Amino acid sequence: MADDDTPASWRAKLLHCCGSQRWVELMLAQRPFLSLEDMTTKAAAADAQLSRADWLEAFGAHPEIGTKTQSISKWEAQEQRGATTAAEATLNELARCNKAYKDKFGYIYIVCATGKSADEMLAIVQRRLVNTPADELTEAAREQAKITQLRLAKLAHDV
């Protein structure tokens, strides 16, 4: 894996993988990345150092699940593909649950959507709505970490 880009170039690439500025700084401090395995191991170490505020910043970089918007990236569109073919009733219920989730926890519903249908994502959010705020932050962070790992693999493929 070539790791010869400038720090500014890597900053932009890493920010696309995880929206936390602190996570990006932690990753930049661990360069060079010798392989995808090395990068994902370093990402897990960076994840372990994030605060609640850092995780919330990362969550805030995502579009809401099921949202039809022009502003999502190619990777986000691929990740949320399961929601694009959903029945209108499913999307409406997902929107209702997204609102209930944000009202309860204060941030958008985060799930690693890759490979999941809208019905699966709906069942997951319904299950998670009963979590305590502390338990949900842990679960949302775990989902963010999965998203980050998948995006790092895409990044390594593109580098």
N, C-alpha and C. Protein backbone atom coordinates (compact mmCIF):
# COMPACT_ATOMS: atom_id res chain seq x y z
N MET A 1 0.85 -1.18 0.00
CA MET A 1 0.00 0.00 0.00
C MET A 1 0.89 1.24 0.00
N ALA A 2 0.72 2.07 -0.99
CA ALA A 2 1.52 3.29 -1.08
C ALA A 2 1.01 4.32 -0.07
N ASP A 3 1.92 4.87 0.70
CA ASP A 3 1.56 5.88 1.70
C ASP A 3 2.44 7.10 1.48
N ASP A 4 2.43 7.58 0.24
CA ASP A 4 3.32 8.69 -0.09
C ASP A 4 2.59 10.01 -0.32
N ASP A 5 1.30 10.06 -0.03
CA ASP A 5 0.56 11.31 -0.15
C ASP A 5 0.93 12.27 0.97
N THR A 6 0.60 13.52 0.77
CA THR A 6 0.87 14.55 1.78
C THR A 6 -0.08 14.38 2.96
N PRO A 7 0.28 14.94 4.12
CA PRO A 7 -0.64 14.90 5.25
C PRO A 7 -2.01 15.52 4.93
N ALA A 8 -2.02 16.59 4.16
CA ALA A 8 -3.30 17.23 3.81
C ALA A 8 -4.16 16.29 2.97
N SER A 9 -3.54 15.58 2.06
CA SER A 9 -4.27 14.62 1.23
C SER A 9 -4.81 13.48 2.09
N TRP A 10 -3.96 12.98 2.98
CA TRP A 10 -4.40 11.91 3.88
C TRP A 10 -5.50 12.40 4.82
N ARG A 11 -5.41 13.63 5.27
CA ARG A 11 -6.44 14.19 6.16
C ARG A 11 -7.81 14.11 5.48
N ALA A 12 -7.88 14.55 4.25
CA ALA A 12 -9.15 14.53 3.51
C ALA A 12 -9.65 13.10 3.32
N LYS A 13 -8.75 12.20 2.98
CA LYS A 13 -9.15 10.80 2.76
C LYS A 13 -9.65 10.17 4.05
N LEU A 14 -8.94 10.40 5.14
CA LEU A 14 -9.33 9.81 6.42
C LEU A 14 -10.62 10.41 6.95
N LEU A 15 -10.81 11.71 6.73
CA LEU A 15 -12.04 12.37 7.18
C LEU A 15 -13.25 11.78 6.46
N HIS A 16 -13.05 11.31 5.26
CA HIS A 16 -14.13 10.66 4.51
C HIS A 16 -14.45 9.28 5.10
N CYS A 17 -13.48 8.69 5.79
CA CYS A 17 -13.69 7.38 6.43
C CYS A 17 -14.35 7.52 7.80
N CYS A 18 -14.01 8.58 8.51
CA CYS A 18 -14.58 8.84 9.84
C CYS A 18 -14.60 10.35 10.05
N GLY A 19 -15.75 10.89 10.39
CA GLY A 19 -15.92 12.34 10.49
C GLY A 19 -15.41 12.99 11.75
N SER A 20 -14.67 12.26 12.58
CA SER A 20 -14.11 12.83 13.80
C SER A 20 -12.73 13.41 13.53
N GLN A 21 -12.57 14.71 13.79
CA GLN A 21 -11.26 15.36 13.60
C GLN A 21 -10.19 14.72 14.49
N ARG A 22 -10.57 14.38 15.72
CA ARG A 22 -9.60 13.75 16.63
C ARG A 22 -9.15 12.40 16.09
N TRP A 23 -10.07 11.62 15.56
CA TRP A 23 -9.73 10.32 14.98
C TRP A 23 -8.74 10.52 13.83
N VAL A 24 -9.00 11.51 12.99
CA VAL A 24 -8.10 11.79 11.86
C VAL A 24 -6.71 12.16 12.39
N GLU A 25 -6.65 13.02 13.40
CA GLU A 25 -5.35 13.40 13.97
C GLU A 25 -4.62 12.19 14.54
N LEU A 26 -5.34 11.33 15.24
CA LEU A 26 -4.73 10.12 15.79
C LEU A 26 -4.20 9.22 14.67
N MET A 27 -4.94 9.12 13.59
CA MET A 27 -4.50 8.29 12.46
C MET A 27 -3.28 8.90 11.77
N LEU A 28 -3.30 10.21 11.56
CA LEU A 28 -2.16 10.87 10.91
C LEU A 28 -0.89 10.68 11.73
N ALA A 29 -1.02 10.70 13.04
CA ALA A 29 0.14 10.52 13.92
C ALA A 29 0.71 9.11 13.85
N GLN A 30 -0.06 8.18 13.32
CA GLN A 30 0.38 6.78 13.24
C GLN A 30 0.91 6.38 11.86
N ARG A 31 0.98 7.31 10.93
CA ARG A 31 1.53 7.00 9.61
C ARG A 31 2.99 6.65 9.73
N PRO A 32 3.52 5.86 8.84
CA PRO A 32 2.92 5.37 7.60
C PRO A 32 2.02 4.15 7.83
N PHE A 33 1.16 3.92 6.86
CA PHE A 33 0.31 2.74 6.86
C PHE A 33 0.96 1.74 5.91
N LEU A 34 1.36 0.62 6.45
CA LEU A 34 2.11 -0.37 5.68
C LEU A 34 1.22 -1.29 4.85
N SER A 35 -0.01 -1.45 5.30
CA SER A 35 -0.96 -2.34 4.64
C SER A 35 -2.36 -2.00 5.13
N LEU A 36 -3.35 -2.60 4.50
CA LEU A 36 -4.72 -2.41 4.98
C LEU A 36 -4.84 -2.93 6.41
N GLU A 37 -4.26 -4.07 6.70
CA GLU A 37 -4.32 -4.62 8.06
C GLU A 37 -3.69 -3.65 9.06
N ASP A 38 -2.56 -3.07 8.70
CA ASP A 38 -1.90 -2.10 9.58
C ASP A 38 -2.81 -0.89 9.81
N MET A 39 -3.43 -0.41 8.73
CA MET A 39 -4.30 0.76 8.84
C MET A 39 -5.53 0.45 9.70
N THR A 40 -6.14 -0.71 9.52
CA THR A 40 -7.34 -1.03 10.29
C THR A 40 -7.01 -1.29 11.76
N THR A 41 -5.83 -1.84 12.02
CA THR A 41 -5.39 -2.02 13.42
C THR A 41 -5.18 -0.66 14.08
N LYS A 42 -4.56 0.25 13.36
CA LYS A 42 -4.34 1.60 13.89
C LYS A 42 -5.67 2.34 14.06
N ALA A 43 -6.63 2.08 13.18
CA ALA A 43 -7.95 2.71 13.30
C ALA A 43 -8.65 2.23 14.57
N ALA A 44 -8.55 0.95 14.85
CA ALA A 44 -9.17 0.41 16.08
C ALA A 44 -8.53 1.04 17.32
N ALA A 45 -7.22 1.24 17.27
CA ALA A 45 -6.53 1.89 18.40
C ALA A 45 -7.00 3.34 18.54
N ALA A 46 -7.19 4.02 17.42
CA ALA A 46 -7.69 5.40 17.47
C ALA A 46 -9.12 5.44 18.01
N ASP A 47 -9.96 4.49 17.57
CA ASP A 47 -11.34 4.41 18.06
C ASP A 47 -11.37 4.35 19.59
N ALA A 48 -10.47 3.57 20.15
CA ALA A 48 -10.45 3.35 21.60
C ALA A 48 -10.14 4.63 22.38
N GLN A 49 -9.61 5.64 21.70
CA GLN A 49 -9.24 6.89 22.37
C GLN A 49 -10.28 8.00 22.21
N LEU A 50 -11.37 7.71 21.50
CA LEU A 50 -12.36 8.75 21.24
C LEU A 50 -13.29 8.98 22.43
N SER A 51 -13.63 10.23 22.62
CA SER A 51 -14.59 10.63 23.66
C SER A 51 -16.00 10.63 23.06
N ARG A 52 -16.97 10.86 23.92
CA ARG A 52 -18.36 10.97 23.46
C ARG A 52 -18.47 12.07 22.40
N ALA A 53 -17.85 13.21 22.65
CA ALA A 53 -17.91 14.32 21.70
C ALA A 53 -17.29 13.94 20.36
N ASP A 54 -16.21 13.18 20.39
CA ASP A 54 -15.57 12.73 19.14
C ASP A 54 -16.51 11.82 18.35
N TRP A 55 -17.16 10.89 19.06
CA TRP A 55 -18.10 9.99 18.38
C TRP A 55 -19.26 10.79 17.80
N LEU A 56 -19.78 11.75 18.55
CA LEU A 56 -20.90 12.55 18.05
C LEU A 56 -20.50 13.32 16.80
N GLU A 57 -19.27 13.81 16.77
CA GLU A 57 -18.78 14.50 15.57
C GLU A 57 -18.75 13.53 14.39
N ALA A 58 -18.29 12.31 14.63
CA ALA A 58 -18.26 11.30 13.56
C ALA A 58 -19.67 10.99 13.07
N PHE A 59 -20.61 10.81 14.01
CA PHE A 59 -21.99 10.50 13.62
C PHE A 59 -22.58 11.63 12.79
N GLY A 60 -22.24 12.86 13.16
CA GLY A 60 -22.79 14.02 12.47
C GLY A 60 -22.37 14.16 11.02
N ALA A 61 -21.36 13.41 10.62
CA ALA A 61 -20.89 13.46 9.24
C ALA A 61 -21.72 12.58 8.31
N HIS A 62 -22.67 11.83 8.87
CA HIS A 62 -23.48 10.89 8.08
C HIS A 62 -24.83 11.48 7.72
N PRO A 63 -25.36 11.10 6.55
CA PRO A 63 -26.75 11.43 6.26
C PRO A 63 -27.65 10.49 7.05
N GLU A 64 -28.87 10.89 7.27
CA GLU A 64 -29.82 10.04 7.97
C GLU A 64 -30.14 8.82 7.10
N ILE A 65 -30.26 7.65 7.73
CA ILE A 65 -30.60 6.43 7.00
C ILE A 65 -31.95 6.60 6.32
N GLY A 66 -31.99 6.27 5.03
CA GLY A 66 -33.23 6.35 4.27
C GLY A 66 -33.52 7.70 3.67
N THR A 67 -32.66 8.68 3.93
CA THR A 67 -32.87 10.02 3.39
C THR A 67 -32.51 10.04 1.91
N LYS A 68 -33.38 10.60 1.13
CA LYS A 68 -33.11 10.75 -0.30
C LYS A 68 -32.60 12.16 -0.51
N THR A 69 -31.29 12.27 -0.63
CA THR A 69 -30.68 13.59 -0.79
C THR A 69 -29.58 13.52 -1.83
N GLN A 70 -29.34 14.61 -2.49
CA GLN A 70 -28.29 14.67 -3.50
C GLN A 70 -26.91 14.84 -2.89
N SER A 71 -26.84 15.19 -1.61
CA SER A 71 -25.56 15.55 -1.02
C SER A 71 -24.78 14.37 -0.45
N ILE A 72 -25.27 13.14 -0.60
CA ILE A 72 -24.51 12.02 -0.06
C ILE A 72 -23.42 11.60 -1.04
N SER A 73 -22.34 11.09 -0.49
CA SER A 73 -21.20 10.69 -1.31
C SER A 73 -21.47 9.36 -2.01
N LYS A 74 -20.60 9.02 -2.94
CA LYS A 74 -20.70 7.74 -3.65
C LYS A 74 -20.67 6.58 -2.66
N TRP A 75 -19.75 6.64 -1.69
CA TRP A 75 -19.66 5.57 -0.70
C TRP A 75 -20.94 5.48 0.12
N GLU A 76 -21.48 6.62 0.54
CA GLU A 76 -22.71 6.62 1.34
C GLU A 76 -23.88 6.06 0.53
N ALA A 77 -23.94 6.41 -0.74
CA ALA A 77 -25.00 5.89 -1.61
C ALA A 77 -24.90 4.37 -1.72
N GLN A 78 -23.68 3.85 -1.86
CA GLN A 78 -23.48 2.40 -1.92
C GLN A 78 -23.89 1.75 -0.60
N GLU A 79 -23.50 2.36 0.50
CA GLU A 79 -23.79 1.80 1.82
C GLU A 79 -25.29 1.75 2.10
N GLN A 80 -26.01 2.74 1.64
CA GLN A 80 -27.45 2.83 1.93
C GLN A 80 -28.31 2.30 0.79
N ARG A 81 -27.71 1.55 -0.10
CA ARG A 81 -28.43 1.05 -1.27
C ARG A 81 -29.72 0.31 -0.87
N GLY A 82 -29.68 -0.42 0.24
CA GLY A 82 -30.85 -1.18 0.69
C GLY A 82 -32.06 -0.32 0.96
N ALA A 83 -31.84 0.93 1.29
CA ALA A 83 -32.96 1.83 1.59
C ALA A 83 -33.56 2.44 0.32
N THR A 84 -32.83 2.38 -0.79
CA THR A 84 -33.32 3.04 -2.00
C THR A 84 -34.43 2.26 -2.69
N THR A 85 -34.51 0.96 -2.42
CA THR A 85 -35.52 0.13 -3.07
C THR A 85 -36.67 -0.24 -2.13
N ALA A 86 -36.71 0.39 -0.99
CA ALA A 86 -37.71 0.05 0.03
C ALA A 86 -39.09 0.56 -0.33
N ALA A 87 -40.08 -0.12 0.20
CA ALA A 87 -41.47 0.32 0.04
C ALA A 87 -41.65 1.66 0.77
N GLU A 88 -42.54 2.46 0.27
CA GLU A 88 -42.79 3.78 0.85
C GLU A 88 -43.19 3.67 2.32
N ALA A 89 -43.98 2.66 2.66
CA ALA A 89 -44.41 2.48 4.06
C ALA A 89 -43.20 2.21 4.96
N THR A 90 -42.25 1.43 4.46
CA THR A 90 -41.03 1.14 5.24
C THR A 90 -40.22 2.41 5.43
N LEU A 91 -40.07 3.19 4.36
CA LEU A 91 -39.32 4.45 4.46
C LEU A 91 -40.00 5.43 5.41
N ASN A 92 -41.32 5.47 5.39
CA ASN A 92 -42.05 6.36 6.31
C ASN A 92 -41.83 5.93 7.76
N GLU A 93 -41.88 4.62 8.02
CA GLU A 93 -41.66 4.13 9.38
C GLU A 93 -40.21 4.35 9.80
N LEU A 94 -39.28 4.18 8.87
CA LEU A 94 -37.87 4.45 9.15
C LEU A 94 -37.68 5.93 9.50
N ALA A 95 -38.34 6.81 8.78
CA ALA A 95 -38.26 8.25 9.07
C ALA A 95 -38.83 8.55 10.46
N ARG A 96 -39.94 7.90 10.81
CA ARG A 96 -40.54 8.09 12.13
C ARG A 96 -39.57 7.61 13.23
N CYS A 97 -38.96 6.45 13.00
CA CYS A 97 -38.01 5.91 13.99
C CYS A 97 -36.74 6.75 14.05
N ASN A 98 -36.29 7.27 12.91
CA ASN A 98 -35.12 8.16 12.90
C ASN A 98 -35.38 9.36 13.81
N LYS A 99 -36.59 9.93 13.70
CA LYS A 99 -36.93 11.09 14.52
C LYS A 99 -36.99 10.71 16.00
N ALA A 100 -37.63 9.58 16.31
CA ALA A 100 -37.72 9.13 17.70
C ALA A 100 -36.33 8.86 18.27
N TYR A 101 -35.46 8.29 17.46
CA TYR A 101 -34.09 8.00 17.88
C TYR A 101 -33.34 9.30 18.19
N LYS A 102 -33.43 10.26 17.26
CA LYS A 102 -32.73 11.53 17.47
C LYS A 102 -33.30 12.28 18.67
N ASP A 103 -34.60 12.23 18.84
CA ASP A 103 -35.22 12.87 20.01
C ASP A 103 -34.73 12.24 21.31
N LYS A 104 -34.58 10.93 21.32
CA LYS A 104 -34.17 10.24 22.55
C LYS A 104 -32.68 10.38 22.83
N PHE A 105 -31.84 10.19 21.79
CA PHE A 105 -30.40 10.11 22.01
C PHE A 105 -29.64 11.38 21.64
N GLY A 106 -30.25 12.26 20.84
CA GLY A 106 -29.61 13.53 20.52
C GLY A 106 -28.70 13.49 19.30
N TYR A 107 -28.69 12.39 18.58
CA TYR A 107 -27.89 12.27 17.35
C TYR A 107 -28.60 11.30 16.41
N ILE A 108 -28.17 11.29 15.15
CA ILE A 108 -28.85 10.44 14.17
C ILE A 108 -28.53 8.97 14.41
N TYR A 109 -29.44 8.14 13.97
CA TYR A 109 -29.31 6.68 14.02
C TYR A 109 -28.14 6.26 13.14
N ILE A 110 -27.19 5.58 13.75
CA ILE A 110 -26.01 5.09 13.04
C ILE A 110 -26.07 3.58 12.98
N VAL A 111 -25.99 3.05 11.77
CA VAL A 111 -25.92 1.61 11.56
C VAL A 111 -25.04 1.37 10.35
N CYS A 112 -24.27 0.31 10.38
CA CYS A 112 -23.49 -0.07 9.21
C CYS A 112 -24.49 -0.68 8.23
N ALA A 113 -24.91 0.12 7.27
CA ALA A 113 -26.01 -0.24 6.37
C ALA A 113 -25.59 -1.16 5.24
N THR A 114 -24.31 -1.33 5.02
CA THR A 114 -23.83 -2.15 3.91
C THR A 114 -24.42 -3.55 3.98
N GLY A 115 -25.09 -3.93 2.90
CA GLY A 115 -25.66 -5.27 2.81
C GLY A 115 -26.98 -5.46 3.53
N LYS A 116 -27.51 -4.40 4.12
CA LYS A 116 -28.77 -4.51 4.87
C LYS A 116 -29.92 -3.91 4.06
N SER A 117 -31.07 -4.55 4.13
CA SER A 117 -32.27 -4.00 3.51
C SER A 117 -32.86 -2.93 4.44
N ALA A 118 -33.76 -2.15 3.89
CA ALA A 118 -34.44 -1.14 4.71
C ALA A 118 -35.22 -1.80 5.84
N ASP A 119 -35.82 -2.95 5.57
CA ASP A 119 -36.55 -3.66 6.62
C ASP A 119 -35.62 -4.09 7.75
N GLU A 120 -34.42 -4.54 7.41
CA GLU A 120 -33.44 -4.92 8.44
C GLU A 120 -33.02 -3.70 9.26
N MET A 121 -32.74 -2.59 8.57
CA MET A 121 -32.34 -1.37 9.29
C MET A 121 -33.46 -0.86 10.18
N LEU A 122 -34.70 -1.01 9.72
CA LEU A 122 -35.85 -0.61 10.52
C LEU A 122 -35.96 -1.48 11.78
N ALA A 123 -35.80 -2.78 11.63
CA ALA A 123 -35.86 -3.68 12.79
C ALA A 123 -34.75 -3.35 13.79
N ILE A 124 -33.58 -3.01 13.28
CA ILE A 124 -32.45 -2.68 14.16
C ILE A 124 -32.74 -1.40 14.95
N VAL A 125 -33.23 -0.36 14.28
CA VAL A 125 -33.50 0.89 14.99
C VAL A 125 -34.62 0.69 16.02
N GLN A 126 -35.61 -0.11 15.68
CA GLN A 126 -36.69 -0.37 16.63
C GLN A 126 -36.16 -1.09 17.86
N ARG A 127 -35.25 -2.04 17.67
CA ARG A 127 -34.65 -2.75 18.80
C ARG A 127 -33.80 -1.80 19.64
N ARG A 128 -33.05 -0.92 18.98
CA ARG A 128 -32.13 -0.04 19.69
C ARG A 128 -32.82 1.12 20.40
N LEU A 129 -34.01 1.45 20.02
CA LEU A 129 -34.73 2.56 20.68
C LEU A 129 -34.98 2.31 22.16
N VAL A 130 -34.91 1.07 22.61
CA VAL A 130 -35.12 0.78 24.03
C VAL A 130 -33.82 0.84 24.83
N ASN A 131 -32.69 1.02 24.16
CA ASN A 131 -31.40 1.11 24.86
C ASN A 131 -31.34 2.33 25.77
N THR A 132 -30.49 2.23 26.78
CA THR A 132 -30.18 3.41 27.59
C THR A 132 -29.25 4.30 26.75
N PRO A 133 -29.15 5.58 27.05
CA PRO A 133 -28.23 6.44 26.31
C PRO A 133 -26.79 5.92 26.33
N ALA A 134 -26.32 5.44 27.46
CA ALA A 134 -24.94 4.94 27.53
C ALA A 134 -24.76 3.69 26.67
N ASP A 135 -25.71 2.76 26.75
CA ASP A 135 -25.62 1.55 25.94
C ASP A 135 -25.70 1.88 24.45
N GLU A 136 -26.55 2.84 24.11
CA GLU A 136 -26.70 3.19 22.70
C GLU A 136 -25.47 3.88 22.15
N LEU A 137 -24.83 4.72 22.94
CA LEU A 137 -23.60 5.34 22.47
C LEU A 137 -22.56 4.27 22.16
N THR A 138 -22.46 3.26 23.00
CA THR A 138 -21.53 2.16 22.77
C THR A 138 -21.88 1.42 21.48
N GLU A 139 -23.17 1.15 21.29
CA GLU A 139 -23.59 0.44 20.09
C GLU A 139 -23.40 1.29 18.83
N ALA A 140 -23.73 2.56 18.91
CA ALA A 140 -23.55 3.45 17.76
C ALA A 140 -22.06 3.58 17.41
N ALA A 141 -21.21 3.66 18.42
CA ALA A 141 -19.76 3.74 18.18
C ALA A 141 -19.27 2.46 17.51
N ARG A 142 -19.79 1.32 17.94
CA ARG A 142 -19.42 0.05 17.32
C ARG A 142 -19.83 0.03 15.84
N GLU A 143 -21.01 0.55 15.54
CA GLU A 143 -21.47 0.62 14.15
C GLU A 143 -20.60 1.59 13.34
N GLN A 144 -20.26 2.74 13.94
CA GLN A 144 -19.37 3.69 13.27
C GLN A 144 -18.03 3.03 12.97
N ALA A 145 -17.51 2.26 13.90
CA ALA A 145 -16.23 1.57 13.68
C ALA A 145 -16.33 0.60 12.51
N LYS A 146 -17.45 -0.09 12.36
CA LYS A 146 -17.64 -1.00 11.22
C LYS A 146 -17.64 -0.21 9.91
N ILE A 147 -18.35 0.91 9.91
CA ILE A 147 -18.40 1.76 8.72
C ILE A 147 -16.99 2.23 8.36
N THR A 148 -16.25 2.68 9.36
CA THR A 148 -14.89 3.16 9.15
C THR A 148 -14.02 2.06 8.57
N GLN A 149 -14.10 0.86 9.11
CA GLN A 149 -13.28 -0.25 8.62
C GLN A 149 -13.60 -0.54 7.14
N LEU A 150 -14.87 -0.54 6.79
CA LEU A 150 -15.25 -0.77 5.39
C LEU A 150 -14.73 0.33 4.48
N ARG A 151 -14.82 1.56 4.95
CA ARG A 151 -14.34 2.68 4.14
C ARG A 151 -12.82 2.67 4.01
N LEU A 152 -12.13 2.25 5.05
CA LEU A 152 -10.66 2.13 4.95
C LEU A 152 -10.28 1.10 3.90
N ALA A 153 -11.04 0.02 3.81
CA ALA A 153 -10.77 -1.00 2.79
C ALA A 153 -10.98 -0.40 1.39
N LYS A 154 -12.02 0.40 1.23
CA LYS A 154 -12.25 1.07 -0.06
C LYS A 154 -11.11 2.05 -0.35
N LEU A 155 -10.70 2.78 0.67
CA LEU A 155 -9.60 3.73 0.52
C LEU A 155 -8.32 3.01 0.11
N ALA A 156 -8.01 1.91 0.78
CA ALA A 156 -6.79 1.15 0.46
C ALA A 156 -6.83 0.63 -0.97
N HIS A 157 -8.01 0.27 -1.42
CA HIS A 157 -8.17 -0.21 -2.80
C HIS A 157 -7.93 0.91 -3.80
N ASP A 158 -8.32 2.14 -3.43
CA ASP A 158 -8.19 3.30 -4.32
C ASP A 158 -6.80 3.92 -4.30
N VAL A 159 -6.02 3.66 -3.22
CA VAL A 159 -4.71 4.31 -3.07
C VAL A 159 -3.71 3.68 -4.01
